[in-house]
Amino acid sequence: MNRTQFIPDKKQPQYAVVPIDDYRKLVSAAEHSEYSEIMAEIKAGAETFPLEFTMALIETDSRMREWRKFRNITQAVLAKAAGLSQGAITLIESGKRHPTVNTARKIAGALDCDIDDIF
């Protein structure tokens, strides 16, 4: 027996009202499904990140610098790995210079992350 009530808006169903027990079952199933998917990714070797690093990425003015610090490498090491000068890395981290797409790819590759993660 379907106990769901549909509420129309402009003659189309826009809302569904379900009994609270059904709602709780749906939420639990969704949470369990999402949890299972995340755990499968982790077991398959997906990288995980500490909360402190995640918060630093949110709060920083240079995600590139935070990634470099997280990877525990110096500007000089990053510069060498990306084929740039240390001065270029300093300027990019400080926001005084914007890298080309090709340069951004090199930096992201050296930091083992996606371009979107750092810029």
PDB file of N, CA and C in Angstrom:
ATOM      1  N   MET A   1       0.838  -1.174   0.000  1.00  0.00           N
ATOM      2  CA  MET A   1       0.000   0.000   0.000  1.00  0.00           C
ATOM      3  C   MET A   1       0.888   1.244   0.000  1.00  0.00           C
ATOM      4  N   ASN A   2       0.696   2.123  -0.969  1.00  0.00           N
ATOM      5  CA  ASN A   2       1.470   3.360  -1.073  1.00  0.00           C
ATOM      6  C   ASN A   2       0.824   4.421  -0.200  1.00  0.00           C
ATOM      7  N   ARG A   3       1.575   4.864   0.809  1.00  0.00           N
ATOM      8  CA  ARG A   3       1.044   5.865   1.734  1.00  0.00           C
ATOM      9  C   ARG A   3       1.626   7.248   1.449  1.00  0.00           C
ATOM     10  N   THR A   4       2.212   7.428   0.266  1.00  0.00           N
ATOM     11  CA  THR A   4       2.805   8.710  -0.097  1.00  0.00           C
ATOM     12  C   THR A   4       1.742   9.638  -0.660  1.00  0.00           C
ATOM     13  N   GLN A   5       1.774  10.873  -0.212  1.00  0.00           N
ATOM     14  CA  GLN A   5       0.852  11.897  -0.710  1.00  0.00           C
ATOM     15  C   GLN A   5       1.641  12.859  -1.585  1.00  0.00           C
ATOM     16  N   PHE A   6       1.158  13.112  -2.791  1.00  0.00           N
ATOM     17  CA  PHE A   6       1.817  14.047  -3.701  1.00  0.00           C
ATOM     18  C   PHE A   6       1.084  15.375  -3.691  1.00  0.00           C
ATOM     19  N   ILE A   7       1.856  16.453  -3.623  1.00  0.00           N
ATOM     20  CA  ILE A   7       1.284  17.796  -3.607  1.00  0.00           C
ATOM     21  C   ILE A   7       1.670  18.473  -4.918  1.00  0.00           C
ATOM     22  N   PRO A   8       0.658  18.842  -5.703  1.00  0.00           N
ATOM     23  CA  PRO A   8       0.957  19.447  -7.003  1.00  0.00           C
ATOM     24  C   PRO A   8       1.231  20.951  -6.890  1.00  0.00           C
ATOM     25  N   ASP A   9       1.952  21.436  -7.877  1.00  0.00           N
ATOM     26  CA  ASP A   9       2.167  22.860  -8.060  1.00  0.00           C
ATOM     27  C   ASP A   9       2.074  23.080  -9.559  1.00  0.00           C
ATOM     28  N   LYS A  10       1.112  23.838  -9.975  1.00  0.00           N
ATOM     29  CA  LYS A  10       0.849  24.057 -11.407  1.00  0.00           C
ATOM     30  C   LYS A  10       0.552  22.723 -12.089  1.00  0.00           C
ATOM     31  N   LYS A  11      -0.251  21.905 -11.437  1.00  0.00           N
ATOM     32  CA  LYS A  11      -0.758  20.638 -11.945  1.00  0.00           C
ATOM     33  C   LYS A  11       0.296  19.537 -12.092  1.00  0.00           C
ATOM     34  N   GLN A  12       1.515  19.779 -11.625  1.00  0.00           N
ATOM     35  CA  GLN A  12       2.557  18.763 -11.642  1.00  0.00           C
ATOM     36  C   GLN A  12       2.946  18.433 -10.204  1.00  0.00           C
ATOM     37  N   PRO A  13       3.194  17.162  -9.903  1.00  0.00           N
ATOM     38  CA  PRO A  13       3.650  16.835  -8.547  1.00  0.00           C
ATOM     39  C   PRO A  13       4.983  17.523  -8.257  1.00  0.00           C
ATOM     40  N   GLN A  14       5.029  18.289  -7.184  1.00  0.00           N
ATOM     41  CA  GLN A  14       6.234  19.010  -6.796  1.00  0.00           C
ATOM     42  C   GLN A  14       6.786  18.536  -5.456  1.00  0.00           C
ATOM     43  N   TYR A  15       5.928  17.989  -4.632  1.00  0.00           N
ATOM     44  CA  TYR A  15       6.323  17.550  -3.294  1.00  0.00           C
ATOM     45  C   TYR A  15       5.725  16.181  -3.027  1.00  0.00           C
ATOM     46  N   ALA A  16       6.424  15.416  -2.204  1.00  0.00           N
ATOM     47  CA  ALA A  16       5.912  14.122  -1.777  1.00  0.00           C
ATOM     48  C   ALA A  16       5.961  14.083  -0.255  1.00  0.00           C
ATOM     49  N   VAL A  17       4.873  13.736   0.343  1.00  0.00           N
ATOM     50  CA  VAL A  17       4.795  13.599   1.794  1.00  0.00           C
ATOM     51  C   VAL A  17       4.735  12.105   2.085  1.00  0.00           C
ATOM     52  N   VAL A  18       5.704  11.643   2.897  1.00  0.00           N
ATOM     53  CA  VAL A  18       5.757  10.225   3.228  1.00  0.00           C
ATOM     54  C   VAL A  18       5.660  10.061   4.737  1.00  0.00           C
ATOM     55  N   PRO A  19       5.154   8.944   5.187  1.00  0.00           N
ATOM     56  CA  PRO A  19       5.129   8.685   6.627  1.00  0.00           C
ATOM     57  C   PRO A  19       6.546   8.726   7.191  1.00  0.00           C
ATOM     58  N   ILE A  20       6.679   9.173   8.418  1.00  0.00           N
ATOM     59  CA  ILE A  20       7.992   9.372   9.039  1.00  0.00           C
ATOM     60  C   ILE A  20       8.823   8.092   9.056  1.00  0.00           C
ATOM     61  N   ASP A  21       8.219   6.950   9.279  1.00  0.00           N
ATOM     62  CA  ASP A  21       8.970   5.691   9.269  1.00  0.00           C
ATOM     63  C   ASP A  21       9.566   5.414   7.892  1.00  0.00           C
ATOM     64  N   ASP A  22       8.791   5.673   6.849  1.00  0.00           N
ATOM     65  CA  ASP A  22       9.291   5.503   5.484  1.00  0.00           C
ATOM     66  C   ASP A  22      10.434   6.481   5.210  1.00  0.00           C
ATOM     67  N   TYR A  23      10.280   7.724   5.674  1.00  0.00           N
ATOM     68  CA  TYR A  23      11.320   8.736   5.497  1.00  0.00           C
ATOM     69  C   TYR A  23      12.616   8.285   6.168  1.00  0.00           C
ATOM     70  N   ARG A  24      12.513   7.819   7.398  1.00  0.00           N
ATOM     71  CA  ARG A  24      13.707   7.373   8.124  1.00  0.00           C
ATOM     72  C   ARG A  24      14.391   6.204   7.421  1.00  0.00           C
ATOM     73  N   LYS A  25      13.610   5.284   6.873  1.00  0.00           N
ATOM     74  CA  LYS A  25      14.174   4.159   6.136  1.00  0.00           C
ATOM     75  C   LYS A  25      14.901   4.648   4.881  1.00  0.00           C
ATOM     76  N   LEU A  26      14.309   5.607   4.180  1.00  0.00           N
ATOM     77  CA  LEU A  26      14.935   6.159   2.979  1.00  0.00           C
ATOM     78  C   LEU A  26      16.251   6.854   3.310  1.00  0.00           C
ATOM     79  N   VAL A  27      16.251   7.658   4.372  1.00  0.00           N
ATOM     80  CA  VAL A  27      17.463   8.362   4.775  1.00  0.00           C
ATOM     81  C   VAL A  27      18.546   7.366   5.182  1.00  0.00           C
ATOM     82  N   SER A  28      18.173   6.381   5.948  1.00  0.00           N
ATOM     83  CA  SER A  28      19.134   5.374   6.390  1.00  0.00           C
ATOM     84  C   SER A  28      19.718   4.627   5.197  1.00  0.00           C
ATOM     85  N   ALA A  29      18.885   4.260   4.247  1.00  0.00           N
ATOM     86  CA  ALA A  29      19.367   3.544   3.056  1.00  0.00           C
ATOM     87  C   ALA A  29      20.312   4.424   2.248  1.00  0.00           C
ATOM     88  N   ALA A  30      19.980   5.694   2.121  1.00  0.00           N
ATOM     89  CA  ALA A  30      20.832   6.620   1.356  1.00  0.00           C
ATOM     90  C   ALA A  30      22.170   6.804   2.053  1.00  0.00           C
ATOM     91  N   GLU A  31      22.148   6.994   3.356  1.00  0.00           N
ATOM     92  CA  GLU A  31      23.385   7.170   4.109  1.00  0.00           C
ATOM     93  C   GLU A  31      24.247   5.919   4.029  1.00  0.00           C
ATOM     94  N   HIS A  32      23.623   4.767   4.159  1.00  0.00           N
ATOM     95  CA  HIS A  32      24.371   3.521   4.106  1.00  0.00           C
ATOM     96  C   HIS A  32      24.985   3.321   2.723  1.00  0.00           C
ATOM     97  N   SER A  33      24.227   3.630   1.690  1.00  0.00           N
ATOM     98  CA  SER A  33      24.709   3.492   0.324  1.00  0.00           C
ATOM     99  C   SER A  33      25.913   4.407   0.084  1.00  0.00           C
ATOM    100  N   GLU A  34      25.810   5.684   0.493  1.00  0.00           N
ATOM    101  CA  GLU A  34      26.903   6.635   0.318  1.00  0.00           C
ATOM    102  C   GLU A  34      28.125   6.187   1.123  1.00  0.00           C
ATOM    103  N   TYR A  35      27.907   5.757   2.333  1.00  0.00           N
ATOM    104  CA  TYR A  35      28.999   5.271   3.179  1.00  0.00           C
ATOM    105  C   TYR A  35      29.685   4.079   2.525  1.00  0.00           C
ATOM    106  N   SER A  36      28.904   3.153   2.011  1.00  0.00           N
ATOM    107  CA  SER A  36      29.468   1.962   1.381  1.00  0.00           C
ATOM    108  C   SER A  36      30.316   2.331   0.167  1.00  0.00           C
ATOM    109  N   GLU A  37      29.831   3.287  -0.632  1.00  0.00           N
ATOM    110  CA  GLU A  37      30.583   3.718  -1.808  1.00  0.00           C
ATOM    111  C   GLU A  37      31.904   4.364  -1.400  1.00  0.00           C
ATOM    112  N   ILE A  38      31.866   5.215  -0.394  1.00  0.00           N
ATOM    113  CA  ILE A  38      33.083   5.882   0.071  1.00  0.00           C
ATOM    114  C   ILE A  38      34.072   4.860   0.621  1.00  0.00           C
ATOM    115  N   MET A  39      33.590   3.936   1.426  1.00  0.00           N
ATOM    116  CA  MET A  39      34.475   2.922   1.994  1.00  0.00           C
ATOM    117  C   MET A  39      35.087   2.037   0.897  1.00  0.00           C
ATOM    118  N   ALA A  40      34.324   1.732  -0.143  1.00  0.00           N
ATOM    119  CA  ALA A  40      34.854   0.932  -1.251  1.00  0.00           C
ATOM    120  C   ALA A  40      35.980   1.688  -1.950  1.00  0.00           C
ATOM    121  N   GLU A  41      35.807   3.009  -2.127  1.00  0.00           N
ATOM    122  CA  GLU A  41      36.857   3.822  -2.759  1.00  0.00           C
ATOM    123  C   GLU A  41      38.120   3.830  -1.898  1.00  0.00           C
ATOM    124  N   ILE A  42      37.943   3.966  -0.595  1.00  0.00           N
ATOM    125  CA  ILE A  42      39.097   3.978   0.312  1.00  0.00           C
ATOM    126  C   ILE A  42      39.806   2.630   0.277  1.00  0.00           C
ATOM    127  N   LYS A  43      39.055   1.552   0.316  1.00  0.00           N
ATOM    128  CA  LYS A  43      39.660   0.217   0.264  1.00  0.00           C
ATOM    129  C   LYS A  43      40.380  -0.015  -1.058  1.00  0.00           C
ATOM    130  N   ALA A  44      39.907   0.653  -2.117  1.00  0.00           N
ATOM    131  CA  ALA A  44      40.545   0.509  -3.431  1.00  0.00           C
ATOM    132  C   ALA A  44      41.783   1.388  -3.551  1.00  0.00           C
ATOM    133  N   GLY A  45      42.069   2.171  -2.502  1.00  0.00           N
ATOM    134  CA  GLY A  45      43.295   2.961  -2.506  1.00  0.00           C
ATOM    135  C   GLY A  45      43.113   4.446  -2.700  1.00  0.00           C
ATOM    136  N   ALA A  46      41.877   4.944  -2.666  1.00  0.00           N
ATOM    137  CA  ALA A  46      41.657   6.385  -2.810  1.00  0.00           C
ATOM    138  C   ALA A  46      42.347   7.124  -1.664  1.00  0.00           C
ATOM    139  N   GLU A  47      42.938   8.250  -1.995  1.00  0.00           N
ATOM    140  CA  GLU A  47      43.631   9.039  -0.981  1.00  0.00           C
ATOM    141  C   GLU A  47      42.618   9.721  -0.060  1.00  0.00           C
ATOM    142  N   THR A  48      42.940   9.773   1.215  1.00  0.00           N
ATOM    143  CA  THR A  48      42.105  10.475   2.182  1.00  0.00           C
ATOM    144  C   THR A  48      42.903  11.636   2.766  1.00  0.00           C
ATOM    145  N   PHE A  49      42.207  12.592   3.346  1.00  0.00           N
ATOM    146  CA  PHE A  49      42.858  13.794   3.833  1.00  0.00           C
ATOM    147  C   PHE A  49      42.415  14.124   5.251  1.00  0.00           C
ATOM    148  N   PRO A  50      43.354  14.582   6.076  1.00  0.00           N
ATOM    149  CA  PRO A  50      42.998  14.958   7.452  1.00  0.00           C
ATOM    150  C   PRO A  50      42.107  16.201   7.459  1.00  0.00           C
ATOM    151  N   LEU A  51      41.297  16.306   8.480  1.00  0.00           N
ATOM    152  CA  LEU A  51      40.395  17.455   8.622  1.00  0.00           C
ATOM    153  C   LEU A  51      41.175  18.767   8.634  1.00  0.00           C
ATOM    154  N   GLU A  52      42.315  18.789   9.293  1.00  0.00           N
ATOM    155  CA  GLU A  52      43.104  20.023   9.389  1.00  0.00           C
ATOM    156  C   GLU A  52      43.515  20.518   8.006  1.00  0.00           C
ATOM    157  N   PHE A  53      43.901  19.599   7.135  1.00  0.00           N
ATOM    158  CA  PHE A  53      44.286  19.965   5.775  1.00  0.00           C
ATOM    159  C   PHE A  53      43.081  20.480   4.999  1.00  0.00           C
ATOM    160  N   THR A  54      41.969  19.798   5.130  1.00  0.00           N
ATOM    161  CA  THR A  54      40.752  20.216   4.434  1.00  0.00           C
ATOM    162  C   THR A  54      40.332  21.610   4.880  1.00  0.00           C
ATOM    163  N   MET A  55      40.378  21.873   6.168  1.00  0.00           N
ATOM    164  CA  MET A  55      40.021  23.203   6.682  1.00  0.00           C
ATOM    165  C   MET A  55      41.015  24.261   6.191  1.00  0.00           C
ATOM    166  N   ALA A  56      42.287  23.907   6.147  1.00  0.00           N
ATOM    167  CA  ALA A  56      43.298  24.851   5.656  1.00  0.00           C
ATOM    168  C   ALA A  56      43.024  25.212   4.201  1.00  0.00           C
ATOM    169  N   LEU A  57      42.596  24.250   3.397  1.00  0.00           N
ATOM    170  CA  LEU A  57      42.259  24.539   1.997  1.00  0.00           C
ATOM    171  C   LEU A  57      41.098  25.517   1.885  1.00  0.00           C
ATOM    172  N   ILE A  58      40.146  25.382   2.784  1.00  0.00           N
ATOM    173  CA  ILE A  58      38.980  26.266   2.766  1.00  0.00           C
ATOM    174  C   ILE A  58      39.364  27.685   3.178  1.00  0.00           C
ATOM    175  N   GLU A  59      40.241  27.797   4.149  1.00  0.00           N
ATOM    176  CA  GLU A  59      40.539  29.097   4.756  1.00  0.00           C
ATOM    177  C   GLU A  59      41.712  29.839   4.122  1.00  0.00           C
ATOM    178  N   THR A  60      42.511  29.191   3.302  1.00  0.00           N
ATOM    179  CA  THR A  60      43.741  29.794   2.802  1.00  0.00           C
ATOM    180  C   THR A  60      43.524  30.746   1.632  1.00  0.00           C
ATOM    181  N   ASP A  61      44.519  31.579   1.403  1.00  0.00           N
ATOM    182  CA  ASP A  61      44.525  32.410   0.206  1.00  0.00           C
ATOM    183  C   ASP A  61      45.386  31.752  -0.880  1.00  0.00           C
ATOM    184  N   SER A  62      45.988  30.593  -0.584  1.00  0.00           N
ATOM    185  CA  SER A  62      46.800  29.874  -1.564  1.00  0.00           C
ATOM    186  C   SER A  62      46.655  28.369  -1.363  1.00  0.00           C
ATOM    187  N   ARG A  63      45.736  27.779  -2.109  1.00  0.00           N
ATOM    188  CA  ARG A  63      45.571  26.333  -2.015  1.00  0.00           C
ATOM    189  C   ARG A  63      46.817  25.607  -2.507  1.00  0.00           C
ATOM    190  N   MET A  64      47.504  26.213  -3.469  1.00  0.00           N
ATOM    191  CA  MET A  64      48.736  25.607  -3.965  1.00  0.00           C
ATOM    192  C   MET A  64      49.755  25.472  -2.838  1.00  0.00           C
ATOM    193  N   ARG A  65      49.914  26.508  -2.025  1.00  0.00           N
ATOM    194  CA  ARG A  65      50.854  26.463  -0.895  1.00  0.00           C
ATOM    195  C   ARG A  65      50.435  25.381   0.097  1.00  0.00           C
ATOM    196  N   GLU A  66      49.132  25.290   0.379  1.00  0.00           N
ATOM    197  CA  GLU A  66      48.655  24.271   1.325  1.00  0.00           C
ATOM    198  C   GLU A  66      48.927  22.865   0.808  1.00  0.00           C
ATOM    199  N   TRP A  67      48.720  22.651  -0.493  1.00  0.00           N
ATOM    200  CA  TRP A  67      49.030  21.336  -1.066  1.00  0.00           C
ATOM    201  C   TRP A  67      50.522  21.054  -0.965  1.00  0.00           C
ATOM    202  N   ARG A  68      51.349  22.053  -1.236  1.00  0.00           N
ATOM    203  CA  ARG A  68      52.803  21.866  -1.154  1.00  0.00           C
ATOM    204  C   ARG A  68      53.202  21.506   0.275  1.00  0.00           C
ATOM    205  N   LYS A  69      52.640  22.231   1.233  1.00  0.00           N
ATOM    206  CA  LYS A  69      52.944  21.939   2.641  1.00  0.00           C
ATOM    207  C   LYS A  69      52.437  20.546   3.028  1.00  0.00           C
ATOM    208  N   PHE A  70      51.246  20.197   2.547  1.00  0.00           N
ATOM    209  CA  PHE A  70      50.687  18.877   2.846  1.00  0.00           C
ATOM    210  C   PHE A  70      51.574  17.764   2.290  1.00  0.00           C
ATOM    211  N   ARG A  71      52.117  17.976   1.104  1.00  0.00           N
ATOM    212  CA  ARG A  71      53.008  16.990   0.492  1.00  0.00           C
ATOM    213  C   ARG A  71      54.409  17.048   1.089  1.00  0.00           C
ATOM    214  N   ASN A  72      54.616  18.030   1.973  1.00  0.00           N
ATOM    215  CA  ASN A  72      55.878  18.171   2.697  1.00  0.00           C
ATOM    216  C   ASN A  72      57.065  18.379   1.755  1.00  0.00           C
ATOM    217  N   ILE A  73      56.883  19.320   0.813  1.00  0.00           N
ATOM    218  CA  ILE A  73      57.977  19.655  -0.086  1.00  0.00           C
ATOM    219  C   ILE A  73      58.203  21.164  -0.077  1.00  0.00           C
ATOM    220  N   THR A  74      59.419  21.544  -0.363  1.00  0.00           N
ATOM    221  CA  THR A  74      59.777  22.963  -0.383  1.00  0.00           C
ATOM    222  C   THR A  74      59.415  23.572  -1.738  1.00  0.00           C
ATOM    223  N   GLN A  75      59.463  24.899  -1.789  1.00  0.00           N
ATOM    224  CA  GLN A  75      59.243  25.571  -3.061  1.00  0.00           C
ATOM    225  C   GLN A  75      60.300  25.145  -4.078  1.00  0.00           C
ATOM    226  N   ALA A  76      61.530  24.985  -3.612  1.00  0.00           N
ATOM    227  CA  ALA A  76      62.610  24.587  -4.522  1.00  0.00           C
ATOM    228  C   ALA A  76      62.352  23.208  -5.126  1.00  0.00           C
ATOM    229  N   VAL A  77      61.907  22.274  -4.317  1.00  0.00           N
ATOM    230  CA  VAL A  77      61.622  20.922  -4.804  1.00  0.00           C
ATOM    231  C   VAL A  77      60.446  20.951  -5.774  1.00  0.00           C
ATOM    232  N   LEU A  78      59.400  21.704  -5.434  1.00  0.00           N
ATOM    233  CA  LEU A  78      58.249  21.826  -6.335  1.00  0.00           C
ATOM    234  C   LEU A  78      58.672  22.464  -7.651  1.00  0.00           C
ATOM    235  N   ALA A  79      59.464  23.505  -7.573  1.00  0.00           N
ATOM    236  CA  ALA A  79      59.928  24.193  -8.779  1.00  0.00           C
ATOM    237  C   ALA A  79      60.673  23.229  -9.699  1.00  0.00           C
ATOM    238  N   LYS A  80      61.574  22.460  -9.127  1.00  0.00           N
ATOM    239  CA  LYS A  80      62.352  21.502  -9.927  1.00  0.00           C
ATOM    240  C   LYS A  80      61.437  20.453 -10.554  1.00  0.00           C
ATOM    241  N   ALA A  81      60.506  19.932  -9.772  1.00  0.00           N
ATOM    242  CA  ALA A  81      59.602  18.895 -10.268  1.00  0.00           C
ATOM    243  C   ALA A  81      58.683  19.416 -11.377  1.00  0.00           C
ATOM    244  N   ALA A  82      58.336  20.696 -11.307  1.00  0.00           N
ATOM    245  CA  ALA A  82      57.441  21.289 -12.305  1.00  0.00           C
ATOM    246  C   ALA A  82      58.203  21.965 -13.441  1.00  0.00           C
ATOM    247  N   GLY A  83      59.523  21.995 -13.352  1.00  0.00           N
ATOM    248  CA  GLY A  83      60.322  22.622 -14.389  1.00  0.00           C
ATOM    249  C   GLY A  83      60.236  24.143 -14.371  1.00  0.00           C
ATOM    250  N   LEU A  84      60.117  24.707 -13.177  1.00  0.00           N
ATOM    251  CA  LEU A  84      59.996  26.162 -13.014  1.00  0.00           C
ATOM    252  C   LEU A  84      61.094  26.664 -12.084  1.00  0.00           C
ATOM    253  N   SER A  85      61.183  27.971 -11.965  1.00  0.00           N
ATOM    254  CA  SER A  85      62.112  28.539 -10.992  1.00  0.00           C
ATOM    255  C   SER A  85      61.403  28.659  -9.642  1.00  0.00           C
ATOM    256  N   GLN A  86      62.192  28.717  -8.590  1.00  0.00           N
ATOM    257  CA  GLN A  86      61.600  28.895  -7.266  1.00  0.00           C
ATOM    258  C   GLN A  86      60.889  30.237  -7.195  1.00  0.00           C
ATOM    259  N   GLY A  87      61.441  31.256  -7.861  1.00  0.00           N
ATOM    260  CA  GLY A  87      60.797  32.562  -7.887  1.00  0.00           C
ATOM    261  C   GLY A  87      59.413  32.506  -8.514  1.00  0.00           C
ATOM    262  N   ALA A  88      59.263  31.703  -9.558  1.00  0.00           N
ATOM    263  CA  ALA A  88      57.946  31.549 -10.199  1.00  0.00           C
ATOM    264  C   ALA A  88      56.951  30.916  -9.227  1.00  0.00           C
ATOM    265  N   ILE A  89      57.404  29.909  -8.505  1.00  0.00           N
ATOM    266  CA  ILE A  89      56.533  29.258  -7.517  1.00  0.00           C
ATOM    267  C   ILE A  89      56.116  30.271  -6.449  1.00  0.00           C
ATOM    268  N   THR A  90      57.062  31.064  -5.970  1.00  0.00           N
ATOM    269  CA  THR A  90      56.761  32.082  -4.960  1.00  0.00           C
ATOM    270  C   THR A  90      55.715  33.065  -5.473  1.00  0.00           C
ATOM    271  N   LEU A  91      55.884  33.530  -6.699  1.00  0.00           N
ATOM    272  CA  LEU A  91      54.936  34.495  -7.275  1.00  0.00           C
ATOM    273  C   LEU A  91      53.548  33.889  -7.460  1.00  0.00           C
ATOM    274  N   ILE A  92      53.503  32.644  -7.898  1.00  0.00           N
ATOM    275  CA  ILE A  92      52.205  31.976  -8.096  1.00  0.00           C
ATOM    276  C   ILE A  92      51.522  31.740  -6.750  1.00  0.00           C
ATOM    277  N   GLU A  93      52.268  31.244  -5.768  1.00  0.00           N
ATOM    278  CA  GLU A  93      51.682  31.012  -4.437  1.00  0.00           C
ATOM    279  C   GLU A  93      51.157  32.298  -3.814  1.00  0.00           C
ATOM    280  N   SER A  94      51.834  33.394  -4.043  1.00  0.00           N
ATOM    281  CA  SER A  94      51.426  34.668  -3.435  1.00  0.00           C
ATOM    282  C   SER A  94      50.318  35.354  -4.219  1.00  0.00           C
ATOM    283  N   GLY A  95      49.963  34.807  -5.375  1.00  0.00           N
ATOM    284  CA  GLY A  95      48.901  35.400  -6.183  1.00  0.00           C
ATOM    285  C   GLY A  95      49.366  36.561  -7.042  1.00  0.00           C
ATOM    286  N   LYS A  96      50.663  36.799  -7.096  1.00  0.00           N
ATOM    287  CA  LYS A  96      51.203  37.907  -7.893  1.00  0.00           C
ATOM    288  C   LYS A  96      51.385  37.523  -9.354  1.00  0.00           C
ATOM    289  N   ARG A  97      51.300  36.233  -9.615  1.00  0.00           N
ATOM    290  CA  ARG A  97      51.415  35.739 -10.984  1.00  0.00           C
ATOM    291  C   ARG A  97      50.422  34.602 -11.163  1.00  0.00           C
ATOM    292  N   HIS A  98      49.804  34.561 -12.339  1.00  0.00           N
ATOM    293  CA  HIS A  98      48.853  33.491 -12.651  1.00  0.00           C
ATOM    294  C   HIS A  98      49.479  32.567 -13.685  1.00  0.00           C
ATOM    295  N   PRO A  99      49.498  31.284 -13.408  1.00  0.00           N
ATOM    296  CA  PRO A  99      50.154  30.357 -14.330  1.00  0.00           C
ATOM    297  C   PRO A  99      49.321  30.111 -15.589  1.00  0.00           C
ATOM    298  N   THR A 100      50.015  29.733 -16.651  1.00  0.00           N
ATOM    299  CA  THR A 100      49.310  29.271 -17.842  1.00  0.00           C
ATOM    300  C   THR A 100      48.699  27.910 -17.515  1.00  0.00           C
ATOM    301  N   VAL A 101      47.825  27.440 -18.365  1.00  0.00           N
ATOM    302  CA  VAL A 101      47.222  26.119 -18.147  1.00  0.00           C
ATOM    303  C   VAL A 101      48.304  25.045 -18.153  1.00  0.00           C
ATOM    304  N   ASN A 102      49.258  25.157 -19.044  1.00  0.00           N
ATOM    305  CA  ASN A 102      50.332  24.175 -19.112  1.00  0.00           C
ATOM    306  C   ASN A 102      51.154  24.171 -17.824  1.00  0.00           C
ATOM    307  N   THR A 103      51.469  25.366 -17.317  1.00  0.00           N
ATOM    308  CA  THR A 103      52.221  25.466 -16.061  1.00  0.00           C
ATOM    309  C   THR A 103      51.407  24.917 -14.899  1.00  0.00           C
ATOM    310  N   ALA A 104      50.122  25.225 -14.878  1.00  0.00           N
ATOM    311  CA  ALA A 104      49.245  24.709 -13.817  1.00  0.00           C
ATOM    312  C   ALA A 104      49.213  23.189 -13.843  1.00  0.00           C
ATOM    313  N   ARG A 105      49.196  22.604 -15.037  1.00  0.00           N
ATOM    314  CA  ARG A 105      49.220  21.139 -15.148  1.00  0.00           C
ATOM    315  C   ARG A 105      50.511  20.562 -14.559  1.00  0.00           C
ATOM    316  N   LYS A 106      51.625  21.226 -14.850  1.00  0.00           N
ATOM    317  CA  LYS A 106      52.912  20.761 -14.325  1.00  0.00           C
ATOM    318  C   LYS A 106      52.936  20.830 -12.798  1.00  0.00           C
ATOM    319  N   ILE A 107      52.441  21.924 -12.255  1.00  0.00           N
ATOM    320  CA  ILE A 107      52.414  22.084 -10.791  1.00  0.00           C
ATOM    321  C   ILE A 107      51.506  21.030 -10.167  1.00  0.00           C
ATOM    322  N   ALA A 108      50.306  20.864 -10.733  1.00  0.00           N
ATOM    323  CA  ALA A 108      49.369  19.870 -10.205  1.00  0.00           C
ATOM    324  C   ALA A 108      49.972  18.466 -10.277  1.00  0.00           C
ATOM    325  N   GLY A 109      50.643  18.168 -11.376  1.00  0.00           N
ATOM    326  CA  GLY A 109      51.290  16.860 -11.504  1.00  0.00           C
ATOM    327  C   GLY A 109      52.359  16.660 -10.448  1.00  0.00           C
ATOM    328  N   ALA A 110      53.140  17.708 -10.195  1.00  0.00           N
ATOM    329  CA  ALA A 110      54.191  17.617  -9.182  1.00  0.00           C
ATOM    330  C   ALA A 110      53.616  17.469  -7.779  1.00  0.00           C
ATOM    331  N   LEU A 111      52.428  18.035  -7.557  1.00  0.00           N
ATOM    332  CA  LEU A 111      51.776  17.944  -6.251  1.00  0.00           C
ATOM    333  C   LEU A 111      50.845  16.733  -6.149  1.00  0.00           C
ATOM    334  N   ASP A 112      50.726  15.969  -7.239  1.00  0.00           N
ATOM    335  CA  ASP A 112      49.858  14.789  -7.289  1.00  0.00           C
ATOM    336  C   ASP A 112      48.426  15.146  -6.903  1.00  0.00           C
ATOM    337  N   CYS A 113      47.894  16.166  -7.577  1.00  0.00           N
ATOM    338  CA  CYS A 113      46.502  16.564  -7.361  1.00  0.00           C
ATOM    339  C   CYS A 113      45.955  17.108  -8.680  1.00  0.00           C
ATOM    340  N   ASP A 114      44.694  17.461  -8.706  1.00  0.00           N
ATOM    341  CA  ASP A 114      44.077  18.036  -9.889  1.00  0.00           C
ATOM    342  C   ASP A 114      44.290  19.541  -9.931  1.00  0.00           C
ATOM    343  N   ILE A 115      44.269  20.119 -11.118  1.00  0.00           N
ATOM    344  CA  ILE A 115      44.405  21.567 -11.251  1.00  0.00           C
ATOM    345  C   ILE A 115      43.336  22.270 -10.416  1.00  0.00           C
ATOM    346  N   ASP A 116      42.113  21.754 -10.453  1.00  0.00           N
ATOM    347  CA  ASP A 116      41.016  22.363  -9.689  1.00  0.00           C
ATOM    348  C   ASP A 116      41.280  22.368  -8.191  1.00  0.00           C
ATOM    349  N   ASP A 117      42.126  21.466  -7.724  1.00  0.00           N
ATOM    350  CA  ASP A 117      42.442  21.413  -6.299  1.00  0.00           C
ATOM    351  C   ASP A 117      43.319  22.584  -5.855  1.00  0.00           C
ATOM    352  N   ILE A 118      44.095  23.128  -6.778  1.00  0.00           N
ATOM    353  CA  ILE A 118      45.058  24.163  -6.374  1.00  0.00           C
ATOM    354  C   ILE A 118      44.758  25.544  -6.922  1.00  0.00           C
ATOM    355  N   PHE A 119      43.920  25.639  -7.964  1.00  0.00           N
ATOM    356  CA  PHE A 119      43.627  26.963  -8.523  1.00  0.00           C
ATOM    357  C   PHE A 119      42.142  27.196  -8.597  1.00  0.00           C
TER     358      PHE A 119
END
